[in-house]
Protein backbone atom coordinates (compact mmCIF):
# COMPACT_ATOMS: atom_id res chain seq x y z
CA MET A 1 109.61 38.46 138.54
CA LEU A 2 105.90 37.98 137.94
CA ARG A 3 105.64 41.45 136.37
CA LEU A 4 108.52 40.69 134.06
CA CYS A 5 106.87 37.47 132.90
CA ARG A 6 103.59 39.29 132.27
CA ALA A 7 105.35 42.03 130.34
CA ARG A 8 107.00 39.42 128.16
CA ALA A 9 103.67 37.70 127.59
CA ILE A 10 102.02 40.95 126.57
CA LEU A 11 104.87 41.77 124.19
CA ARG A 12 104.71 38.33 122.66
CA LYS A 13 100.97 38.52 122.19
CA SER A 14 101.00 42.01 120.66
CA ASP A 15 103.87 41.17 118.31
CA GLY A 16 102.36 37.90 117.27
CA GLY A 17 105.76 36.33 118.09
CA TYR A 18 109.21 37.82 118.67
CA ILE A 19 112.90 37.03 118.39
CA MET A 20 113.80 35.15 121.57
CA SER A 21 117.55 35.44 121.34
CA ILE A 22 120.67 35.82 119.25
CA ARG A 23 123.42 33.82 120.85
CA LYS A 24 126.95 32.82 120.04
CA ARG A 25 127.73 29.14 119.65
CA THR A 26 131.28 27.80 119.87
CA TRP A 27 132.63 24.30 119.39
CA THR A 28 135.75 22.38 118.51
CA THR A 29 135.96 20.11 115.49
CA ARG A 30 137.40 16.60 115.59
CA ALA A 31 140.56 18.08 114.11
CA GLY A 32 140.86 20.36 117.11
CA GLU A 33 139.86 23.55 115.28
CA ALA A 34 137.82 26.17 117.18
CA ARG A 35 134.64 27.23 115.38
CA GLU A 36 131.89 29.72 116.15
CA ALA A 37 128.50 30.72 114.76
CA TRP A 38 125.57 32.95 115.65
CA VAL A 39 122.18 31.38 116.21
CA VAL A 40 118.83 33.17 115.96
CA ASP A 41 116.31 31.37 118.18
CA TYR A 42 112.77 32.65 117.59
CA THR A 43 109.09 31.79 117.51
CA ASP A 44 106.92 32.46 114.48
CA GLN A 45 103.41 33.92 114.42
CA ASP A 46 101.93 30.47 114.97
CA GLY A 47 104.08 29.75 118.01
CA GLY A 48 106.49 27.43 116.22
CA ARG A 49 110.09 27.58 117.37
CA HIS A 50 112.92 27.82 114.83
CA LEU A 51 116.70 28.16 114.72
CA LYS A 52 118.77 29.78 112.03
CA THR A 53 122.58 29.92 112.01
CA PHE A 54 124.88 32.61 110.62
CA ASP A 55 128.65 32.97 110.34
CA LYS A 56 128.65 36.62 111.46
CA LYS A 57 126.71 38.50 114.14
CA LYS A 58 125.80 41.38 111.84
CA GLU A 59 124.17 38.92 109.43
CA ALA A 60 122.21 37.38 112.29
CA ASP A 61 121.16 40.82 113.56
CA ALA A 62 119.97 41.94 110.13
CA TRP A 63 118.03 38.74 109.48
CA ALA A 64 116.48 38.81 112.94
CA ALA A 65 115.28 42.38 112.53
CA ALA A 66 113.65 41.64 109.17
CA THR A 67 112.13 38.39 110.41
CA LYS A 68 110.66 40.03 113.51
CA LEU A 69 108.77 42.48 111.30
CA GLU A 70 107.46 39.61 109.18
CA VAL A 71 106.32 37.77 112.30
CA ILE A 72 104.59 40.88 113.66
CA ARG A 73 102.82 41.25 110.31
CA ARG A 74 102.03 37.52 110.44
CA VAL A 75 103.53 36.91 106.97
CA HIS A 76 106.70 35.06 107.95
CA THR A 77 107.46 31.73 106.26
CA PRO A 78 110.08 29.60 108.01
CA ILE A 79 112.68 28.13 105.66
CA SER A 80 111.78 24.63 106.86
CA ALA A 81 108.23 25.18 105.58
CA SER A 82 109.24 27.00 102.38
CA ILE A 83 108.80 25.38 98.96
CA THR A 84 111.06 25.72 95.91
CA VAL A 85 110.52 28.10 93.01
CA ALA A 86 109.84 25.08 90.76
CA LYS A 87 107.04 23.90 93.05
CA ALA A 88 105.59 27.40 93.28
CA ALA A 89 105.71 27.65 89.47
CA GLU A 90 103.67 24.46 89.10
CA GLU A 91 101.09 25.79 91.56
CA TRP A 92 100.90 29.02 89.57
CA LEU A 93 100.50 27.24 86.23
CA GLU A 94 97.69 25.14 87.66
CA SER A 95 95.96 28.26 89.02
CA ARG A 96 96.16 29.87 85.57
CA ARG A 97 94.68 26.74 83.99
CA LEU A 98 91.80 26.68 86.47
CA LYS A 99 91.12 30.35 85.74
CA GLY A 100 90.52 29.46 82.09
CA ARG A 101 93.59 30.94 80.42
CA GLU A 102 93.76 30.09 76.71
CA PRO A 103 95.93 27.12 75.66
CA ALA A 104 98.32 29.43 73.77
CA THR A 105 98.80 31.61 76.84
CA LEU A 106 99.35 28.59 79.08
CA ALA A 107 101.89 27.20 76.60
CA GLN A 108 103.80 30.49 76.72
CA TYR A 109 103.78 30.47 80.54
CA ARG A 110 105.07 26.87 80.62
CA THR A 111 107.85 27.78 78.19
CA HIS A 112 108.94 30.58 80.51
CA VAL A 113 109.01 28.15 83.44
CA GLU A 114 110.59 25.10 81.81
CA TYR A 115 113.25 26.81 79.70
CA HIS A 116 114.18 29.84 81.79
CA ILE A 117 112.88 30.04 85.37
CA ALA A 118 113.20 26.42 86.53
CA PRO A 119 116.74 25.83 85.18
CA MET A 120 118.07 28.95 86.94
CA LEU A 121 115.92 29.32 90.06
CA GLY A 122 113.96 26.08 90.34
CA THR A 123 115.87 24.54 93.27
CA ILE A 124 115.95 27.74 95.36
CA LYS A 125 113.49 27.94 98.25
CA LEU A 126 111.13 30.90 98.21
CA ALA A 127 112.32 32.01 101.65
CA HIS A 128 115.83 32.47 100.23
CA LEU A 129 114.76 34.79 97.42
CA THR A 130 115.72 38.46 97.66
CA VAL A 131 115.49 41.46 95.38
CA ALA A 132 119.21 40.94 94.67
CA THR A 133 118.49 37.35 93.59
CA ILE A 134 115.85 38.60 91.16
CA ALA A 135 118.19 41.27 89.77
CA ASP A 136 120.90 38.65 89.20
CA PHE A 137 118.39 36.40 87.45
CA GLN A 138 117.38 39.14 85.00
CA ALA A 139 121.02 40.02 84.31
CA ARG A 140 121.79 36.37 83.60
CA LEU A 141 118.89 36.09 81.16
CA LEU A 142 120.26 39.01 79.17
CA ARG A 143 123.87 37.83 79.37
CA GLU A 144 122.93 34.42 78.00
CA GLY A 145 121.30 35.89 74.91
CA ARG A 146 117.61 36.35 75.70
CA SER A 147 116.15 39.42 74.05
CA TRP A 148 114.95 42.29 76.20
CA ALA A 149 111.35 41.67 75.09
CA LEU A 150 111.52 37.97 76.07
CA THR A 151 113.27 38.80 79.34
CA ARG A 152 110.51 41.19 80.34
CA LYS A 153 107.88 38.51 79.69
CA ILE A 154 109.82 35.96 81.74
CA MET A 155 110.17 38.44 84.60
CA THR A 156 106.43 39.12 84.49
CA SER A 157 105.75 35.39 84.75
CA LEU A 158 108.17 35.11 87.68
CA SER A 159 106.38 37.97 89.43
CA GLY A 160 103.10 36.15 88.86
CA ILE A 161 104.53 32.96 90.37
CA LEU A 162 105.73 34.76 93.50
CA GLY A 163 102.54 36.79 93.74
CA ARG A 164 100.49 33.60 93.79
CA ALA A 165 102.87 32.10 96.35
CA ARG A 166 102.39 35.15 98.58
CA ILE A 167 98.60 34.80 98.39
CA ASN A 168 98.97 31.13 99.32
CA GLY A 169 101.10 32.05 102.33
CA ARG A 170 104.23 30.52 100.82
CA ILE A 171 106.30 33.69 100.95
CA ALA A 172 106.16 36.90 102.97
CA HIS A 173 106.51 39.31 100.06
CA ASN A 174 107.09 39.35 96.29
CA PRO A 175 110.72 40.37 95.60
CA ALA A 176 110.17 40.19 91.83
CA ARG A 177 107.38 42.74 92.04
CA GLU A 178 109.55 45.01 94.18
CA PHE A 179 112.43 44.73 91.71
CA LEU A 180 110.26 45.40 88.66
CA ALA A 181 108.60 48.41 90.34
CA GLU A 182 111.99 49.94 91.11
CA GLU A 183 113.27 49.23 87.63
CA ARG A 184 110.23 50.70 85.90
CA GLN A 185 110.73 53.98 87.74
CA GLY A 186 114.34 54.18 86.67
CA ASP A 187 113.84 52.99 83.11
CA LYS A 188 110.61 54.73 82.12
CA LYS A 189 112.26 57.74 80.52
CA SER A 190 114.92 55.59 78.91
CA ASP A 191 112.31 53.20 77.51
CA ASP A 192 110.31 56.10 76.08
CA ARG A 193 113.42 57.39 74.32
CA GLN A 194 114.46 53.98 73.01
CA ARG A 195 111.03 52.82 71.83
CA PRO A 196 111.12 53.16 68.04
CA LYS A 197 108.26 55.10 66.50
CA LEU A 198 106.23 53.47 63.77
CA ARG A 199 106.96 55.13 60.44
CA VAL A 200 104.79 55.27 57.35
CA GLY A 201 106.61 53.57 54.48
CA GLU A 202 108.77 51.54 56.88
CA ASP A 203 106.44 49.94 59.42
CA ILE A 204 103.11 51.17 58.06
CA PRO A 205 102.17 50.69 54.38
CA THR A 206 101.39 53.85 52.46
CA VAL A 207 98.00 54.44 50.81
CA ASP A 208 99.49 53.64 47.40
CA GLU A 209 101.08 50.45 48.73
CA VAL A 210 97.80 49.24 50.26
CA ARG A 211 95.99 50.00 47.02
CA SER A 212 98.57 48.02 45.06
CA ILE A 213 98.49 45.12 47.55
CA LEU A 214 94.72 44.82 47.17
CA GLU A 215 94.98 44.96 43.37
CA HIS A 216 97.38 41.99 43.42
CA ALA A 217 95.80 40.06 46.29
CA GLY A 218 93.83 37.55 44.20
CA LYS A 219 91.80 35.20 46.42
CA TRP A 220 93.10 37.01 49.50
CA ARG A 221 91.58 40.36 48.51
CA PRO A 222 88.44 40.09 50.75
CA LEU A 223 90.56 39.22 53.78
CA LEU A 224 93.25 41.85 53.22
CA MET A 225 90.66 44.49 52.38
CA THR A 226 88.83 43.74 55.63
CA ALA A 227 92.10 43.91 57.58
CA ALA A 228 93.03 47.28 56.06
CA LEU A 229 89.60 48.89 56.47
CA THR A 230 88.67 47.58 59.93
CA GLY A 231 92.01 47.21 61.75
CA MET A 232 90.96 43.80 63.08
CA ARG A 233 93.65 41.55 64.50
CA ALA A 234 94.56 38.42 62.56
CA SER A 235 93.03 36.26 65.29
CA GLU A 236 89.80 38.27 65.09
CA LEU A 237 89.65 37.90 61.31
CA ARG A 238 90.14 34.15 61.62
CA GLY A 239 87.31 33.96 64.15
CA LEU A 240 84.88 36.27 62.34
CA THR A 241 81.57 34.68 61.32
CA TRP A 242 78.98 35.83 58.81
CA ASP A 243 76.51 36.07 61.70
CA ASN A 244 78.56 39.00 63.00
CA VAL A 245 78.70 40.88 59.70
CA ASP A 246 75.54 43.01 59.68
CA PHE A 247 75.03 44.28 56.14
CA GLY A 248 71.76 45.92 57.12
CA GLU A 249 73.32 48.10 59.80
CA SER A 250 76.67 48.28 57.96
CA VAL A 251 78.72 47.13 60.96
CA ILE A 252 80.97 44.25 61.98
CA HIS A 253 80.64 42.90 65.51
CA VAL A 254 83.90 41.59 66.97
CA VAL A 255 82.87 39.07 69.63
CA GLN A 256 85.43 36.25 69.33
CA ARG A 257 88.81 35.26 67.94
CA ALA A 258 90.76 32.12 67.01
CA ASP A 259 94.02 31.37 68.79
CA CYS A 260 97.16 29.77 67.35
CA TYR A 261 95.65 26.32 67.99
CA ARG A 262 92.61 27.29 65.89
CA THR A 263 90.42 27.31 68.99
CA ILE A 264 87.63 29.89 69.11
CA GLY A 265 87.52 32.03 72.24
CA ASP A 266 86.81 35.49 73.60
CA PRO A 267 88.57 38.63 72.26
CA LYS A 268 91.98 39.57 73.61
CA SER A 269 90.48 41.92 76.21
CA ARG A 270 87.10 43.28 77.25
CA ALA A 271 87.69 46.26 74.94
CA GLY A 272 88.31 43.81 72.09
CA ASN A 273 84.57 43.13 72.08
CA ARG A 274 83.49 46.01 69.85
CA THR A 275 81.57 47.19 66.78
CA ILE A 276 83.35 48.53 63.68
CA PRO A 277 81.66 50.45 60.82
CA LEU A 278 81.41 48.56 57.53
CA THR A 279 82.30 50.84 54.61
CA PRO A 280 80.30 50.58 51.32
CA LYS A 281 83.01 49.09 49.07
CA LEU A 282 84.09 46.65 51.76
CA ALA A 283 80.45 45.60 52.25
CA LEU A 284 80.12 45.00 48.49
CA GLY A 285 83.35 42.99 48.42
CA LEU A 286 82.24 40.84 51.36
CA LYS A 287 78.82 40.19 49.81
CA GLU A 288 80.53 38.89 46.67
CA TRP A 289 82.98 36.82 48.71
CA LYS A 290 80.18 35.28 50.79
CA LEU A 291 78.87 33.54 47.66
CA ALA A 292 82.25 31.91 46.96
CA CYS A 293 83.38 31.41 50.55
CA PRO A 294 83.89 27.76 51.63
CA LYS A 295 81.04 26.66 53.85
CA GLY A 296 81.44 25.09 57.28
CA GLU A 297 79.57 24.53 60.53
CA ALA A 298 81.25 27.56 62.14
CA ASN A 299 80.00 29.85 59.32
CA LEU A 300 83.39 31.63 59.20
CA CYS A 301 84.08 34.53 56.86
CA PHE A 302 87.68 33.54 56.11
CA PRO A 303 87.94 29.78 56.64
CA ASN A 304 90.28 27.22 55.14
CA ARG A 305 89.11 25.25 52.12
CA ASP A 306 87.27 22.81 54.40
CA GLY A 307 85.32 25.56 56.13
CA GLY A 308 87.34 25.33 59.36
CA VAL A 309 89.55 27.87 61.11
CA GLU A 310 92.46 28.94 58.90
CA TRP A 311 96.04 28.83 60.17
CA HIS A 312 97.59 32.20 60.98
CA ARG A 313 100.59 31.37 58.77
CA ALA A 314 98.32 31.06 55.72
CA LEU A 315 97.02 34.62 56.19
CA ALA A 316 100.55 35.98 56.51
CA ASP A 317 101.59 34.08 53.36
CA GLY A 318 98.65 35.65 51.52
CA LEU A 319 99.91 39.13 52.38
CA THR A 320 103.47 38.15 51.40
CA ASP A 321 102.35 36.81 48.01
CA ALA A 322 100.35 39.98 47.33
CA GLN A 323 103.36 42.19 48.11
CA VAL A 324 105.66 40.17 45.88
CA ALA A 325 103.12 40.32 43.04
CA ALA A 326 102.83 44.10 43.57
CA LYS A 327 106.65 44.42 43.68
CA ILE A 328 106.54 45.88 47.19
CA VAL A 329 109.78 44.22 48.15
CA VAL A 330 113.11 44.97 49.82
CA ASP A 331 116.11 42.82 48.87
CA GLY A 332 113.80 40.46 47.04
CA LYS A 333 111.54 39.87 50.06
CA ALA A 334 108.13 41.25 50.97
CA LYS A 335 108.56 44.69 52.55
CA TYR A 336 106.08 44.17 55.37
CA SER A 337 105.97 41.04 57.51
CA GLY A 338 102.80 39.99 59.26
CA LEU A 339 99.21 41.07 58.92
CA HIS A 340 99.64 43.53 61.78
CA CYS A 341 101.03 46.11 59.34
CA LEU A 342 97.49 46.50 57.93
CA ARG A 343 96.23 47.12 61.46
CA HIS A 344 98.84 49.88 61.72
CA PHE A 345 97.62 51.23 58.37
CA PHE A 346 94.03 51.36 59.61
CA ALA A 347 95.14 53.25 62.72
CA SER A 348 97.09 55.80 60.67
CA TRP A 349 94.15 56.16 58.26
CA CYS A 350 91.80 56.91 61.17
CA ILE A 351 94.29 59.43 62.58
CA ASN A 352 95.36 61.28 59.42
CA ARG A 353 93.81 64.61 58.47
CA LYS A 354 90.87 64.60 56.06
CA VAL A 355 92.83 66.76 53.60
CA ASP A 356 95.40 63.95 53.48
CA GLY A 357 92.77 61.27 52.82
CA GLY A 358 92.33 60.23 56.46
CA LEU A 359 89.36 60.29 58.82
CA GLU A 360 90.84 62.65 61.46
CA LEU A 361 89.14 60.80 64.32
CA PRO A 362 89.70 61.64 68.01
CA ALA A 363 92.15 59.43 69.89
CA LYS A 364 89.36 57.91 72.01
CA VAL A 365 87.45 56.78 68.92
CA VAL A 366 90.61 55.35 67.34
CA SER A 367 91.29 53.41 70.53
CA GLU A 368 87.74 52.00 70.50
CA ARG A 369 87.96 51.02 66.82
CA LEU A 370 91.23 49.16 67.47
CA GLY A 371 89.91 47.45 70.59
CA HIS A 372 92.74 48.67 72.81
CA SER A 373 92.27 48.04 76.53
CA SER A 374 93.14 51.70 77.24
CA ILE A 375 93.64 54.92 75.32
CA ALA A 376 97.20 55.03 76.73
CA ILE A 377 98.13 52.09 74.49
CA THR A 378 96.81 53.96 71.45
CA LEU A 379 98.68 57.15 72.30
CA ASN A 380 101.91 55.32 73.16
CA THR A 381 101.82 53.49 69.82
CA TYR A 382 100.36 56.07 67.45
CA GLY A 383 100.48 59.39 69.32
CA HIS A 384 103.20 60.77 67.03
CA LEU A 385 100.90 60.32 64.01
CA PHE A 386 98.18 62.68 65.24
CA PRO A 387 98.13 66.05 63.39
CA ARG A 388 100.05 68.89 65.00
CA GLY A 389 98.90 72.18 63.57
CA ASP A 390 100.72 75.47 63.85
CA ASP A 391 99.04 77.17 66.82
CA SER A 392 101.21 80.32 66.75
CA ALA A 393 98.31 82.52 65.68
CA ALA A 394 96.05 81.18 68.42
CA LEU A 395 98.78 81.72 71.01
CA ALA A 396 99.26 85.32 69.83
CA GLU A 397 95.51 86.01 70.09
CA GLY A 398 95.41 84.48 73.57
CA GLU A 399 98.38 86.57 74.71
CA ALA A 400 96.74 89.73 73.41
CA ALA A 401 93.53 88.96 75.26
CA LEU A 402 95.40 88.08 78.46
CA LEU A 403 97.71 91.08 78.56
CA SER A 404 95.47 93.76 77.05
């Protein structure tokens, strides 16, 4: 008997806790009906004792097996100690705030939580979440009319919430991360096929269209010219100061940007902090504009009339007005929406062959000029625009040398 007790003690110590028993419980209701249930009686990794009841033995067995592994790994969270998804979401939002996320980013996260995650999952305890629960949540988002792009962002936020909860010891694992990993593997090829390619003349203005836009840009010409010849993001243009336009070295230093609340902050990513060549005609145009530019404490290149940070909507309206004046319209409306089309133009201009009026730059250089966080983003977005020469002759020469 002593040996048996010691063996049990050793097992318990090495497992960090183990399932004590799965037993059947029977009783009779006040109405005289016979009832039964299966009870899992176990200790967790901290020695706490817990009971969980199931209607069927196979459910109890399955749960017990999974829970024992969690206890052995010391990551088990008893349901009695588990918090709700809503509570975990608040903890995650606060952690993002403390890490210095921008107000616009925090506002987007809170929208995901308040309008999508909390209404559907908020009252569910973390310990009850499964991969199937996460799959059902995504399906419901799509069924109720959320776009695929918005759904993916919401799912990413949910994964962040559960990831933070796991770090805090609130949950044993992150079922959202597991679900997204599985889905990415299955959908990667499909996504690549379905992702529309940017097309010149449809998504990217042509050279003639950009020339015409600049001719009809009026007061917006310096801004739109800078956008087209540097590929800077709208937020970077709004945050650009004259201190970072080096006419002597003929470069523009991108070191900050303005968010949608007109707050100045760091670039979008570490790669966003970069230096872009300043072409001669653009330099001349900016020198002329500097004399007429509204002055302010921030010394911005493209401020509002008071010298402060301009609203993003104003820049987009400037591009719209220039297109309408240049008659670059479709069904009476400006053909291209948003200043990002000029960023696309800059990318295509860098990529195009010199004989076609482009710069024919390597993909790595294009990625650096655009401030992409990785060259993969550049290739995924613009890879189809890179020149593809006819290499038949080179292949024939190589074959001859190989098989001679």
